[in-house]
């Protein structure tokens, strides 16, 4: 596993064997900025997926705070509620418009959650919860692990799984805006684009490899 310093050395070399401390500082800043920008983009990779988060409803309330670092729901997966009083049955929640839920929620009608909507900082559920329920909520989670210039192993998932993508993006900004070298910036952007393509292919392959349409039931299910 490469260290943060080794990754920065690689980028400094691509920028023309730069040894200026300010350049390294700029690289760190621009790489972190690139990661933040990518995490707000249309494509989110597999290594940001969070599958182990369980949220809890509050009796007589119709909102739950979104989990830490929430970016977006995972398209292929839906949240589900655990009905402890019914042999821990798992019921998939259906997504609806928040206005639909608000109009139909009534303080005198409470039950287990059936529908939900994602709002600014919370999840709206309907109907209003009549007790505490556990909800499994898969989502894409922000890495929240900024790069630093040290000799520790890189821990940000982008630097582990898509290093050349984010490093070349950051370095291209340094080349263009800090070094005023448009030609080099364009070349680095090209390298970043090529790496992005490989990450996209890997993401798709992980979803589709060994896909089996025949597995409709588990053993023991009716």
C-alpha atoms as a PDB file:
ATOM      1  CA  UNK A   1       0.000   0.000   0.000  1.00  0.00           C
ATOM      2  CA  UNK A   2       1.430   3.379  -1.021  1.00  0.00           C
ATOM      3  CA  UNK A   3       1.919   6.088   1.564  1.00  0.00           C
ATOM      4  CA  UNK A   4       0.493   9.567   1.121  1.00  0.00           C
ATOM      5  CA  UNK A   5       4.013  10.914   0.605  1.00  0.00           C
ATOM      6  CA  UNK A   6       4.763   8.328  -2.081  1.00  0.00           C
ATOM      7  CA  UNK A   7       1.608   9.278  -3.969  1.00  0.00           C
ATOM      8  CA  UNK A   8       2.587  12.939  -3.790  1.00  0.00           C
ATOM      9  CA  UNK A   9       6.108  12.067  -4.979  1.00  0.00           C
ATOM     10  CA  UNK A  10       4.540  10.423  -8.017  1.00  0.00           C
ATOM     11  CA  UNK A  11       2.566  13.537  -8.856  1.00  0.00           C
ATOM     12  CA  UNK A  12       5.524  15.856  -8.204  1.00  0.00           C
ATOM     13  CA  UNK A  13       7.518  13.744 -10.669  1.00  0.00           C
ATOM     14  CA  UNK A  14       4.797  14.047 -13.303  1.00  0.00           C
ATOM     15  CA  UNK A  15       4.782  17.799 -12.808  1.00  0.00           C
ATOM     16  CA  UNK A  16       8.465  17.904 -13.757  1.00  0.00           C
ATOM     17  CA  UNK A  17      10.285  16.524 -10.711  1.00  0.00           C
ATOM     18  CA  UNK A  18       9.076  19.388  -8.537  1.00  0.00           C
ATOM     19  CA  UNK A  19      10.625  19.670  -5.075  1.00  0.00           C
ATOM     20  CA  UNK A  20       9.072  22.960  -4.000  1.00  0.00           C
ATOM     21  CA  UNK A  21       7.229  22.534  -0.689  1.00  0.00           C
ATOM     22  CA  UNK A  22       4.504  24.899  -1.845  1.00  0.00           C
ATOM     23  CA  UNK A  23       3.812  22.658  -4.852  1.00  0.00           C
ATOM     24  CA  UNK A  24       3.284  19.656  -2.562  1.00  0.00           C
ATOM     25  CA  UNK A  25       0.953  21.715  -0.395  1.00  0.00           C
ATOM     26  CA  UNK A  26      -1.004  22.736  -3.488  1.00  0.00           C
ATOM     27  CA  UNK A  27      -1.174  19.121  -4.648  1.00  0.00           C
ATOM     28  CA  UNK A  28      -2.669  18.014  -1.337  1.00  0.00           C
ATOM     29  CA  UNK A  29      -5.244  20.797  -1.469  1.00  0.00           C
ATOM     30  CA  UNK A  30      -6.247  20.130  -5.082  1.00  0.00           C
ATOM     31  CA  UNK A  31      -6.462  16.347  -4.643  1.00  0.00           C
ATOM     32  CA  UNK A  32      -8.795  16.820  -1.687  1.00  0.00           C
ATOM     33  CA  UNK A  33     -10.820  19.324  -3.701  1.00  0.00           C
ATOM     34  CA  UNK A  34     -11.068  16.808  -6.551  1.00  0.00           C
ATOM     35  CA  UNK A  35     -12.365  14.134  -4.174  1.00  0.00           C
ATOM     36  CA  UNK A  36     -14.977  16.503  -2.749  1.00  0.00           C
ATOM     37  CA  UNK A  37     -16.111  17.404  -6.273  1.00  0.00           C
ATOM     38  CA  UNK A  38     -16.329  13.768  -7.397  1.00  0.00           C
ATOM     39  CA  UNK A  39     -18.431  12.883  -4.358  1.00  0.00           C
ATOM     40  CA  UNK A  40     -21.012  15.402  -5.541  1.00  0.00           C
ATOM     41  CA  UNK A  41     -20.972  14.037  -9.090  1.00  0.00           C
ATOM     42  CA  UNK A  42     -23.353  11.831 -11.039  1.00  0.00           C
ATOM     43  CA  UNK A  43     -21.242   8.683 -10.636  1.00  0.00           C
ATOM     44  CA  UNK A  44     -20.412   7.261  -7.215  1.00  0.00           C
ATOM     45  CA  UNK A  45     -18.192   4.140  -7.082  1.00  0.00           C
ATOM     46  CA  UNK A  46     -18.603   0.926  -5.161  1.00  0.00           C
ATOM     47  CA  UNK A  47     -15.994   1.806  -2.544  1.00  0.00           C
ATOM     48  CA  UNK A  48     -18.262   4.512  -1.115  1.00  0.00           C
ATOM     49  CA  UNK A  49     -21.101   2.058  -0.494  1.00  0.00           C
ATOM     50  CA  UNK A  50     -22.191   1.699   3.147  1.00  0.00           C
ATOM     51  CA  UNK A  51     -24.329  -1.357   3.891  1.00  0.00           C
ATOM     52  CA  UNK A  52     -24.171  -1.770   7.663  1.00  0.00           C
ATOM     53  CA  UNK A  53     -26.057   1.316   8.843  1.00  0.00           C
ATOM     54  CA  UNK A  54     -29.218   0.775  10.866  1.00  0.00           C
ATOM     55  CA  UNK A  55     -31.388   3.750  11.767  1.00  0.00           C
ATOM     56  CA  UNK A  56     -34.039   3.901  14.488  1.00  0.00           C
ATOM     57  CA  UNK A  57     -37.414   5.578  14.332  1.00  0.00           C
ATOM     58  CA  UNK A  58     -38.814   7.501  17.288  1.00  0.00           C
ATOM     59  CA  UNK A  59     -42.320   6.801  18.542  1.00  0.00           C
ATOM     60  CA  UNK A  60     -44.845   9.437  17.434  1.00  0.00           C
ATOM     61  CA  UNK A  61     -42.372  11.056  15.039  1.00  0.00           C
ATOM     62  CA  UNK A  62     -42.180  10.919  11.260  1.00  0.00           C
ATOM     63  CA  UNK A  63     -38.542  11.910  10.696  1.00  0.00           C
ATOM     64  CA  UNK A  64     -35.132  10.276  11.104  1.00  0.00           C
ATOM     65  CA  UNK A  65     -31.817  12.095  10.756  1.00  0.00           C
ATOM     66  CA  UNK A  66     -29.879  11.068   7.664  1.00  0.00           C
ATOM     67  CA  UNK A  67     -26.809   8.944   8.459  1.00  0.00           C
ATOM     68  CA  UNK A  68     -23.354  10.484   8.715  1.00  0.00           C
ATOM     69  CA  UNK A  69     -21.756  11.374   5.402  1.00  0.00           C
ATOM     70  CA  UNK A  70     -24.875  10.665   3.344  1.00  0.00           C
ATOM     71  CA  UNK A  71     -24.324  11.379  -0.341  1.00  0.00           C
ATOM     72  CA  UNK A  72     -26.993   9.383  -2.134  1.00  0.00           C
ATOM     73  CA  UNK A  73     -28.984   6.173  -1.936  1.00  0.00           C
ATOM     74  CA  UNK A  74     -27.659   3.082  -3.696  1.00  0.00           C
ATOM     75  CA  UNK A  75     -29.810   2.626  -6.778  1.00  0.00           C
ATOM     76  CA  UNK A  76     -29.864  -1.177  -6.693  1.00  0.00           C
ATOM     77  CA  UNK A  77     -30.853  -1.365  -3.029  1.00  0.00           C
ATOM     78  CA  UNK A  78     -33.763  -0.101  -0.959  1.00  0.00           C
ATOM     79  CA  UNK A  79     -34.148   0.528   2.774  1.00  0.00           C
ATOM     80  CA  UNK A  80     -36.211  -1.934   4.761  1.00  0.00           C
ATOM     81  CA  UNK A  81     -37.815  -1.971   8.182  1.00  0.00           C
ATOM     82  CA  UNK A  82     -37.551  -4.837  10.690  1.00  0.00           C
ATOM     83  CA  UNK A  83     -40.845  -5.835  12.288  1.00  0.00           C
ATOM     84  CA  UNK A  84     -39.681  -7.354  15.575  1.00  0.00           C
ATOM     85  CA  UNK A  85     -43.239  -8.141  16.662  1.00  0.00           C
ATOM     86  CA  UNK A  86     -43.788 -10.180  13.510  1.00  0.00           C
ATOM     87  CA  UNK A  87     -40.900 -12.674  13.606  1.00  0.00           C
ATOM     88  CA  UNK A  88     -38.470  -9.966  12.455  1.00  0.00           C
ATOM     89  CA  UNK A  89     -40.069  -9.734   9.037  1.00  0.00           C
ATOM     90  CA  UNK A  90     -38.271  -7.339   6.710  1.00  0.00           C
ATOM     91  CA  UNK A  91     -40.500  -5.016   4.747  1.00  0.00           C
ATOM     92  CA  UNK A  92     -39.104  -2.964   1.876  1.00  0.00           C
ATOM     93  CA  UNK A  93     -39.959   0.738   2.182  1.00  0.00           C
ATOM     94  CA  UNK A  94     -41.390   2.403  -0.911  1.00  0.00           C
ATOM     95  CA  UNK A  95     -40.074   5.792  -1.909  1.00  0.00           C
ATOM     96  CA  UNK A  96     -42.610   8.564  -2.351  1.00  0.00           C
ATOM     97  CA  UNK A  97     -42.621  12.332  -2.764  1.00  0.00           C
ATOM     98  CA  UNK A  98     -42.334  14.136   0.567  1.00  0.00           C
ATOM     99  CA  UNK A  99     -45.497  16.119  -0.154  1.00  0.00           C
ATOM    100  CA  UNK A 100     -47.404  12.870  -0.613  1.00  0.00           C
ATOM    101  CA  UNK A 101     -46.277  11.677   2.825  1.00  0.00           C
ATOM    102  CA  UNK A 102     -46.844  14.981   4.624  1.00  0.00           C
ATOM    103  CA  UNK A 103     -50.411  15.234   3.299  1.00  0.00           C
ATOM    104  CA  UNK A 104     -51.300  11.735   4.442  1.00  0.00           C
ATOM    105  CA  UNK A 105     -49.532  11.563   7.793  1.00  0.00           C
ATOM    106  CA  UNK A 106     -51.940  12.184  10.658  1.00  0.00           C
ATOM    107  CA  UNK A 107     -50.952  12.439  14.333  1.00  0.00           C
ATOM    108  CA  UNK A 108     -53.787  10.116  15.345  1.00  0.00           C
ATOM    109  CA  UNK A 109     -52.824   7.402  12.865  1.00  0.00           C
ATOM    110  CA  UNK A 110     -49.548   5.674  13.690  1.00  0.00           C
ATOM    111  CA  UNK A 111     -48.094   2.394  12.485  1.00  0.00           C
ATOM    112  CA  UNK A 112     -44.934   0.778  11.150  1.00  0.00           C
ATOM    113  CA  UNK A 113     -43.203   2.726   8.351  1.00  0.00           C
ATOM    114  CA  UNK A 114     -44.313   1.887   4.819  1.00  0.00           C
ATOM    115  CA  UNK A 115     -43.008   4.752   2.681  1.00  0.00           C
ATOM    116  CA  UNK A 116     -40.168   7.269   2.903  1.00  0.00           C
ATOM    117  CA  UNK A 117     -38.667  10.344   1.286  1.00  0.00           C
ATOM    118  CA  UNK A 118     -35.159  11.782   1.521  1.00  0.00           C
ATOM    119  CA  UNK A 119     -35.137  15.481   2.328  1.00  0.00           C
ATOM    120  CA  UNK A 120     -32.352  17.952   3.126  1.00  0.00           C
ATOM    121  CA  UNK A 121     -30.977  16.450   6.344  1.00  0.00           C
ATOM    122  CA  UNK A 122     -33.577  13.880   7.269  1.00  0.00           C
ATOM    123  CA  UNK A 123     -35.713  10.971   6.127  1.00  0.00           C
ATOM    124  CA  UNK A 124     -39.466  11.448   6.212  1.00  0.00           C
ATOM    125  CA  UNK A 125     -41.463   8.285   6.886  1.00  0.00           C
ATOM    126  CA  UNK A 126     -45.119   7.448   6.660  1.00  0.00           C
ATOM    127  CA  UNK A 127     -47.190   6.682   8.535  1.00  0.00           C
ATOM    128  CA  UNK A 128     -45.926   8.229  11.768  1.00  0.00           C
ATOM    129  CA  UNK A 129     -44.119   5.556  13.779  1.00  0.00           C
ATOM    130  CA  UNK A 130     -46.097   4.043  16.638  1.00  0.00           C
ATOM    131  CA  UNK A 131     -42.935   2.705  18.308  1.00  0.00           C
ATOM    132  CA  UNK A 132     -39.211   2.288  17.738  1.00  0.00           C
ATOM    133  CA  UNK A 133     -38.365   0.425  14.514  1.00  0.00           C
ATOM    134  CA  UNK A 134     -34.983  -0.487  13.068  1.00  0.00           C
ATOM    135  CA  UNK A 135     -34.449   0.484   9.442  1.00  0.00           C
ATOM    136  CA  UNK A 136     -31.589  -0.822   7.330  1.00  0.00           C
ATOM    137  CA  UNK A 137     -30.478   2.082   5.144  1.00  0.00           C
ATOM    138  CA  UNK A 138     -27.805   1.404   2.475  1.00  0.00           C
ATOM    139  CA  UNK A 139     -26.239   4.520   0.989  1.00  0.00           C
ATOM    140  CA  UNK A 140     -23.146   6.084  -0.528  1.00  0.00           C
ATOM    141  CA  UNK A 141     -21.032   7.596   2.229  1.00  0.00           C
ATOM    142  CA  UNK A 142     -18.578  10.484   1.855  1.00  0.00           C
ATOM    143  CA  UNK A 143     -14.989   9.392   2.421  1.00  0.00           C
ATOM    144  CA  UNK A 144     -14.366  12.217   4.924  1.00  0.00           C
ATOM    145  CA  UNK A 145     -10.667  11.282   5.099  1.00  0.00           C
ATOM    146  CA  UNK A 146      -8.604  14.135   3.631  1.00  0.00           C
ATOM    147  CA  UNK A 147      -5.200  13.402   2.168  1.00  0.00           C
ATOM    148  CA  UNK A 148      -2.208  14.669   4.128  1.00  0.00           C
ATOM    149  CA  UNK A 149       1.500  14.753   3.302  1.00  0.00           C
ATOM    150  CA  UNK A 150       2.911  12.111   5.626  1.00  0.00           C
ATOM    151  CA  UNK A 151       4.522   8.671   5.575  1.00  0.00           C
ATOM    152  CA  UNK A 152       1.395   6.810   6.693  1.00  0.00           C
ATOM    153  CA  UNK A 153      -0.351   4.429   4.329  1.00  0.00           C
ATOM    154  CA  UNK A 154      -3.068   6.167   2.326  1.00  0.00           C
ATOM    155  CA  UNK A 155      -6.458   5.414   3.858  1.00  0.00           C
ATOM    156  CA  UNK A 156      -8.871   7.456   1.756  1.00  0.00           C
ATOM    157  CA  UNK A 157     -10.785   4.945  -0.402  1.00  0.00           C
ATOM    158  CA  UNK A 158     -10.230   7.101  -3.495  1.00  0.00           C
ATOM    159  CA  UNK A 159      -6.468   6.873  -2.986  1.00  0.00           C
ATOM    160  CA  UNK A 160      -6.723   3.105  -2.539  1.00  0.00           C
ATOM    161  CA  UNK A 161      -9.099   2.285  -5.405  1.00  0.00           C
ATOM    162  CA  UNK A 162      -8.822   5.182  -7.853  1.00  0.00           C
ATOM    163  CA  UNK A 163      -5.539   6.896  -7.030  1.00  0.00           C
ATOM    164  CA  UNK A 164      -4.467   7.894 -10.539  1.00  0.00           C
ATOM    165  CA  UNK A 165      -7.889   9.376 -11.248  1.00  0.00           C
ATOM    166  CA  UNK A 166      -7.917  11.808  -8.321  1.00  0.00           C
ATOM    167  CA  UNK A 167      -4.168  12.420  -8.295  1.00  0.00           C
ATOM    168  CA  UNK A 168      -4.069  13.356 -11.970  1.00  0.00           C
ATOM    169  CA  UNK A 169      -7.148  15.541 -11.532  1.00  0.00           C
ATOM    170  CA  UNK A 170      -5.492  17.393  -8.668  1.00  0.00           C
ATOM    171  CA  UNK A 171      -2.176  17.635 -10.476  1.00  0.00           C
ATOM    172  CA  UNK A 172      -3.861  18.987 -13.629  1.00  0.00           C
ATOM    173  CA  UNK A 173      -5.272  21.912 -11.636  1.00  0.00           C
ATOM    174  CA  UNK A 174      -1.843  22.591 -10.141  1.00  0.00           C
ATOM    175  CA  UNK A 175      -0.269  22.447 -13.603  1.00  0.00           C
ATOM    176  CA  UNK A 176      -2.886  24.773 -15.088  1.00  0.00           C
ATOM    177  CA  UNK A 177      -3.498  27.341 -12.356  1.00  0.00           C
ATOM    178  CA  UNK A 178      -0.341  27.228 -10.257  1.00  0.00           C
ATOM    179  CA  UNK A 179       2.334  26.429 -12.845  1.00  0.00           C
ATOM    180  CA  UNK A 180       0.568  28.055 -15.815  1.00  0.00           C
ATOM    181  CA  UNK A 181       1.367  25.018 -17.957  1.00  0.00           C
ATOM    182  CA  UNK A 182      -1.785  24.383 -19.988  1.00  0.00           C
ATOM    183  CA  UNK A 183      -0.208  21.701 -22.164  1.00  0.00           C
ATOM    184  CA  UNK A 184       0.812  19.614 -19.154  1.00  0.00           C
ATOM    185  CA  UNK A 185      -2.574  20.184 -17.530  1.00  0.00           C
ATOM    186  CA  UNK A 186      -4.329  18.868 -20.627  1.00  0.00           C
ATOM    187  CA  UNK A 187      -2.157  15.740 -20.677  1.00  0.00           C
ATOM    188  CA  UNK A 188      -2.831  15.060 -16.987  1.00  0.00           C
ATOM    189  CA  UNK A 189      -6.569  15.514 -17.560  1.00  0.00           C
ATOM    190  CA  UNK A 190      -6.301  12.921 -20.313  1.00  0.00           C
ATOM    191  CA  UNK A 191      -4.645  10.450 -17.946  1.00  0.00           C
ATOM    192  CA  UNK A 192      -7.338  11.161 -15.358  1.00  0.00           C
ATOM    193  CA  UNK A 193     -10.054  10.519 -17.932  1.00  0.00           C
ATOM    194  CA  UNK A 194      -8.530   7.192 -18.936  1.00  0.00           C
ATOM    195  CA  UNK A 195      -8.368   6.072 -15.318  1.00  0.00           C
ATOM    196  CA  UNK A 196     -11.952   7.187 -14.750  1.00  0.00           C
ATOM    197  CA  UNK A 197     -13.011   4.915 -17.573  1.00  0.00           C
ATOM    198  CA  UNK A 198     -11.319   1.935 -15.942  1.00  0.00           C
ATOM    199  CA  UNK A 199     -12.977   2.678 -12.595  1.00  0.00           C
ATOM    200  CA  UNK A 200     -16.365   2.825 -14.333  1.00  0.00           C
ATOM    201  CA  UNK A 201     -15.689  -0.554 -15.969  1.00  0.00           C
ATOM    202  CA  UNK A 202     -14.667  -2.065 -12.645  1.00  0.00           C
ATOM    203  CA  UNK A 203     -17.809  -0.719 -10.984  1.00  0.00           C
ATOM    204  CA  UNK A 204     -20.016  -2.271 -13.674  1.00  0.00           C
ATOM    205  CA  UNK A 205     -18.118  -5.564 -13.606  1.00  0.00           C
ATOM    206  CA  UNK A 206     -18.581  -5.865  -9.846  1.00  0.00           C
ATOM    207  CA  UNK A 207     -22.339  -5.444 -10.309  1.00  0.00           C
ATOM    208  CA  UNK A 208     -22.779  -7.809 -13.238  1.00  0.00           C
ATOM    209  CA  UNK A 209     -20.136 -10.527 -12.839  1.00  0.00           C
ATOM    210  CA  UNK A 210     -21.775 -13.954 -12.278  1.00  0.00           C
ATOM    211  CA  UNK A 211     -25.281 -12.437 -12.325  1.00  0.00           C
ATOM    212  CA  UNK A 212     -27.878 -15.190 -11.991  1.00  0.00           C
ATOM    213  CA  UNK A 213     -31.541 -14.567 -12.874  1.00  0.00           C
ATOM    214  CA  UNK A 214     -32.626 -18.004 -11.643  1.00  0.00           C
ATOM    215  CA  UNK A 215     -32.101 -17.442  -7.915  1.00  0.00           C
ATOM    216  CA  UNK A 216     -35.631 -16.344  -6.963  1.00  0.00           C
ATOM    217  CA  UNK A 217     -35.811 -17.962  -3.523  1.00  0.00           C
ATOM    218  CA  UNK A 218     -33.572 -19.082  -0.708  1.00  0.00           C
ATOM    219  CA  UNK A 219     -33.716 -22.611   0.672  1.00  0.00           C
ATOM    220  CA  UNK A 220     -36.604 -22.974   3.126  1.00  0.00           C
ATOM    221  CA  UNK A 221     -38.654 -20.142   1.694  1.00  0.00           C
ATOM    222  CA  UNK A 222     -42.208 -20.837   0.610  1.00  0.00           C
END
